[in-house]
Amino acid sequence: MVCVYTETGAEAVIPPRNNRCASREFDRERYKARNLVERFFNRLKQFRRLATRYDKFAHPFSAFLHLAYAYIWLREHALVIGEPEL
């Protein structure tokens, strides 16, 4: 299956399984970046309004998408209230 994709110019980003006889090369940095993006989209799916697309128009959907991104970013990077800074 991989050779079909390589003929079209695509590269395998996912590492091969350990039990394969012939191992193929993959780019670890691209795999890490792909994993990061995939986990971010999974976090966005936790917001029901985004996952089910409640908004009819693009502008309110985009606005809530930005709010969800800001919420996720703050949860990841902001200091917890009450904790002293190091």
N, C-alpha and C. Protein backbone atom coordinates (compact mmCIF):
# COMPACT_ATOMS: atom_id res chain seq x y z
N MET A 1 0.81 -1.19 0.00
CA MET A 1 0.00 0.00 0.00
C MET A 1 0.86 1.26 0.00
N VAL A 2 1.97 1.22 0.72
CA VAL A 2 2.84 2.39 0.79
C VAL A 2 3.44 2.70 -0.58
N CYS A 3 3.75 1.66 -1.36
CA CYS A 3 4.36 1.92 -2.67
C CYS A 3 3.39 2.63 -3.61
N VAL A 4 2.10 2.43 -3.44
CA VAL A 4 1.11 3.15 -4.25
C VAL A 4 1.20 4.65 -3.94
N TYR A 5 1.35 4.98 -2.68
CA TYR A 5 1.44 6.38 -2.29
C TYR A 5 2.77 7.00 -2.70
N THR A 6 3.85 6.25 -2.61
CA THR A 6 5.15 6.81 -2.98
C THR A 6 5.24 7.07 -4.48
N GLU A 7 4.49 6.32 -5.27
CA GLU A 7 4.48 6.57 -6.71
C GLU A 7 3.85 7.92 -7.05
N THR A 8 2.93 8.37 -6.21
CA THR A 8 2.28 9.66 -6.44
C THR A 8 3.08 10.82 -5.85
N GLY A 9 4.16 10.53 -5.14
CA GLY A 9 5.00 11.57 -4.58
C GLY A 9 4.76 11.82 -3.10
N ALA A 10 3.87 11.06 -2.48
CA ALA A 10 3.60 11.21 -1.05
C ALA A 10 4.66 10.47 -0.23
N GLU A 11 4.88 10.95 0.99
CA GLU A 11 5.84 10.31 1.89
C GLU A 11 5.12 9.72 3.09
N ALA A 12 5.62 8.62 3.59
CA ALA A 12 5.06 8.01 4.80
C ALA A 12 5.57 8.78 6.01
N VAL A 13 4.65 9.26 6.83
CA VAL A 13 5.03 10.00 8.02
C VAL A 13 4.91 9.13 9.25
N ILE A 14 4.04 8.14 9.20
CA ILE A 14 3.83 7.24 10.33
C ILE A 14 4.94 6.18 10.33
N PRO A 15 5.52 5.90 11.49
CA PRO A 15 6.59 4.89 11.53
C PRO A 15 6.04 3.50 11.25
N PRO A 16 6.90 2.62 10.70
CA PRO A 16 6.45 1.25 10.44
C PRO A 16 6.34 0.46 11.74
N ARG A 17 5.63 -0.63 11.70
CA ARG A 17 5.51 -1.48 12.88
C ARG A 17 6.84 -2.17 13.17
N ASN A 18 7.01 -2.56 14.41
CA ASN A 18 8.27 -3.20 14.82
C ASN A 18 8.44 -4.59 14.25
N ASN A 19 7.35 -5.28 13.92
CA ASN A 19 7.47 -6.66 13.48
C ASN A 19 7.66 -6.80 11.96
N ARG A 20 7.88 -5.71 11.25
CA ARG A 20 8.09 -5.77 9.80
C ARG A 20 9.49 -6.30 9.51
N CYS A 21 9.59 -7.11 8.47
CA CYS A 21 10.91 -7.65 8.08
C CYS A 21 11.78 -6.55 7.49
N ALA A 22 11.20 -5.81 6.56
CA ALA A 22 11.94 -4.71 5.92
C ALA A 22 11.42 -3.40 6.48
N SER A 23 12.28 -2.69 7.19
CA SER A 23 11.84 -1.41 7.76
C SER A 23 12.01 -0.31 6.72
N ARG A 24 11.15 0.67 6.79
CA ARG A 24 11.25 1.82 5.89
C ARG A 24 11.58 3.05 6.72
N GLU A 25 12.14 4.03 6.07
CA GLU A 25 12.52 5.24 6.77
C GLU A 25 11.32 6.17 6.90
N PHE A 26 11.35 6.98 7.97
CA PHE A 26 10.33 8.00 8.15
C PHE A 26 10.97 9.18 8.87
N ASP A 27 10.36 10.33 8.74
CA ASP A 27 10.90 11.56 9.32
C ASP A 27 10.30 11.73 10.72
N ARG A 28 11.14 11.60 11.74
CA ARG A 28 10.66 11.69 13.12
C ARG A 28 10.10 13.07 13.44
N GLU A 29 10.72 14.12 12.94
CA GLU A 29 10.26 15.48 13.23
C GLU A 29 8.89 15.74 12.60
N ARG A 30 8.67 15.27 11.39
CA ARG A 30 7.36 15.43 10.75
C ARG A 30 6.31 14.61 11.48
N TYR A 31 6.70 13.45 11.99
CA TYR A 31 5.76 12.62 12.74
C TYR A 31 5.36 13.30 14.04
N LYS A 32 6.31 13.94 14.72
CA LYS A 32 6.01 14.68 15.95
C LYS A 32 5.07 15.84 15.66
N ALA A 33 5.32 16.56 14.57
CA ALA A 33 4.46 17.69 14.21
C ALA A 33 3.06 17.20 13.84
N ARG A 34 2.97 16.11 13.12
CA ARG A 34 1.68 15.54 12.74
C ARG A 34 0.91 15.12 13.98
N ASN A 35 1.58 14.51 14.92
CA ASN A 35 0.95 14.07 16.16
C ASN A 35 0.43 15.27 16.95
N LEU A 36 1.19 16.34 16.99
CA LEU A 36 0.78 17.55 17.70
C LEU A 36 -0.50 18.13 17.10
N VAL A 37 -0.56 18.21 15.78
CA VAL A 37 -1.73 18.73 15.09
C VAL A 37 -2.94 17.82 15.32
N GLU A 38 -2.72 16.53 15.26
CA GLU A 38 -3.80 15.57 15.45
C GLU A 38 -4.38 15.67 16.86
N ARG A 39 -3.52 15.81 17.87
CA ARG A 39 -4.00 15.95 19.24
C ARG A 39 -4.76 17.26 19.44
N PHE A 40 -4.32 18.33 18.75
CA PHE A 40 -5.03 19.60 18.85
C PHE A 40 -6.45 19.48 18.28
N PHE A 41 -6.60 18.83 17.13
CA PHE A 41 -7.93 18.66 16.55
C PHE A 41 -8.80 17.79 17.46
N ASN A 42 -8.23 16.83 18.13
CA ASN A 42 -9.00 16.02 19.08
C ASN A 42 -9.47 16.86 20.26
N ARG A 43 -8.65 17.82 20.69
CA ARG A 43 -9.08 18.72 21.76
C ARG A 43 -10.21 19.62 21.29
N LEU A 44 -10.13 20.07 20.03
CA LEU A 44 -11.20 20.92 19.50
C LEU A 44 -12.52 20.16 19.41
N LYS A 45 -12.45 18.86 19.15
CA LYS A 45 -13.67 18.06 19.04
C LYS A 45 -14.39 17.92 20.37
N GLN A 46 -13.72 18.25 21.48
CA GLN A 46 -14.37 18.19 22.78
C GLN A 46 -15.40 19.30 22.95
N PHE A 47 -15.30 20.34 22.12
CA PHE A 47 -16.29 21.40 22.13
C PHE A 47 -17.44 20.99 21.22
N ARG A 48 -18.55 20.67 21.82
CA ARG A 48 -19.67 20.12 21.07
C ARG A 48 -20.15 21.08 19.98
N ARG A 49 -20.11 22.35 20.26
CA ARG A 49 -20.57 23.35 19.28
C ARG A 49 -19.72 23.32 18.01
N LEU A 50 -18.44 23.02 18.15
CA LEU A 50 -17.57 22.92 16.97
C LEU A 50 -17.73 21.58 16.27
N ALA A 51 -17.85 20.52 17.04
CA ALA A 51 -17.91 19.18 16.46
C ALA A 51 -19.19 18.98 15.65
N THR A 52 -20.29 19.56 16.11
CA THR A 52 -21.57 19.37 15.42
C THR A 52 -21.93 20.52 14.50
N ARG A 53 -21.12 21.55 14.51
CA ARG A 53 -21.32 22.72 13.64
C ARG A 53 -22.71 23.32 13.82
N TYR A 54 -22.98 23.77 15.07
CA TYR A 54 -24.28 24.39 15.38
C TYR A 54 -24.49 25.67 14.59
N ASP A 55 -23.44 26.45 14.40
CA ASP A 55 -23.57 27.74 13.73
C ASP A 55 -23.84 27.55 12.25
N LYS A 56 -24.78 28.35 11.73
CA LYS A 56 -25.14 28.23 10.32
C LYS A 56 -24.17 28.97 9.41
N PHE A 57 -23.59 30.04 9.94
CA PHE A 57 -22.73 30.89 9.12
C PHE A 57 -21.27 30.76 9.54
N ALA A 58 -20.39 31.12 8.64
CA ALA A 58 -18.95 30.94 8.88
C ALA A 58 -18.42 31.89 9.94
N HIS A 59 -18.92 33.12 10.00
CA HIS A 59 -18.37 34.10 10.94
C HIS A 59 -18.55 33.68 12.41
N PRO A 60 -19.75 33.29 12.86
CA PRO A 60 -19.87 32.83 14.25
C PRO A 60 -19.09 31.55 14.52
N PHE A 61 -19.03 30.67 13.54
CA PHE A 61 -18.25 29.44 13.71
C PHE A 61 -16.78 29.77 13.90
N SER A 62 -16.27 30.67 13.07
CA SER A 62 -14.87 31.08 13.18
C SER A 62 -14.59 31.77 14.51
N ALA A 63 -15.55 32.58 14.97
CA ALA A 63 -15.37 33.28 16.25
C ALA A 63 -15.27 32.27 17.39
N PHE A 64 -16.15 31.26 17.40
CA PHE A 64 -16.09 30.26 18.46
C PHE A 64 -14.84 29.40 18.34
N LEU A 65 -14.40 29.16 17.13
CA LEU A 65 -13.16 28.41 16.92
C LEU A 65 -11.99 29.15 17.55
N HIS A 66 -11.94 30.46 17.38
CA HIS A 66 -10.88 31.26 18.00
C HIS A 66 -10.99 31.24 19.52
N LEU A 67 -12.21 31.29 20.04
CA LEU A 67 -12.39 31.21 21.49
C LEU A 67 -11.92 29.86 22.03
N ALA A 68 -12.26 28.80 21.33
CA ALA A 68 -11.84 27.47 21.76
C ALA A 68 -10.32 27.35 21.72
N TYR A 69 -9.70 27.89 20.67
CA TYR A 69 -8.23 27.86 20.58
C TYR A 69 -7.61 28.62 21.75
N ALA A 70 -8.17 29.81 22.06
CA ALA A 70 -7.63 30.60 23.16
C ALA A 70 -7.78 29.85 24.49
N TYR A 71 -8.91 29.20 24.67
CA TYR A 71 -9.14 28.42 25.89
C TYR A 71 -8.12 27.29 26.02
N ILE A 72 -7.91 26.57 24.93
CA ILE A 72 -6.93 25.47 24.94
C ILE A 72 -5.53 26.01 25.22
N TRP A 73 -5.18 27.11 24.57
CA TRP A 73 -3.85 27.68 24.76
C TRP A 73 -3.66 28.12 26.20
N LEU A 74 -4.68 28.79 26.77
CA LEU A 74 -4.57 29.24 28.16
C LEU A 74 -4.45 28.06 29.12
N ARG A 75 -5.18 26.99 28.87
CA ARG A 75 -5.08 25.82 29.73
C ARG A 75 -3.68 25.20 29.67
N GLU A 76 -3.05 25.28 28.52
CA GLU A 76 -1.72 24.68 28.34
C GLU A 76 -0.60 25.58 28.87
N HIS A 77 -0.74 26.90 28.71
CA HIS A 77 0.39 27.79 28.94
C HIS A 77 0.24 28.76 30.11
N ALA A 78 -0.96 29.04 30.52
CA ALA A 78 -1.15 30.05 31.57
C ALA A 78 -0.85 29.46 32.94
N LEU A 79 -0.49 30.34 33.85
CA LEU A 79 -0.25 29.92 35.22
C LEU A 79 -1.58 29.67 35.91
N VAL A 80 -1.60 28.73 36.79
CA VAL A 80 -2.80 28.45 37.56
C VAL A 80 -2.94 29.53 38.62
N ILE A 81 -4.15 30.04 38.79
CA ILE A 81 -4.39 31.12 39.77
C ILE A 81 -4.06 30.60 41.16
N GLY A 82 -3.29 31.38 41.88
CA GLY A 82 -2.93 31.01 43.24
C GLY A 82 -1.56 30.38 43.36
N GLU A 83 -0.97 29.94 42.26
CA GLU A 83 0.37 29.36 42.32
C GLU A 83 1.41 30.48 42.20
N PRO A 84 2.45 30.43 42.98
CA PRO A 84 3.50 31.44 42.86
C PRO A 84 4.33 31.21 41.59
N GLU A 85 4.80 32.31 41.02
CA GLU A 85 5.68 32.19 39.83
C GLU A 85 7.04 31.70 40.25
N LEU A 86 7.67 30.95 39.37
CA LEU A 86 9.02 30.43 39.65
C LEU A 86 10.06 31.31 39.04
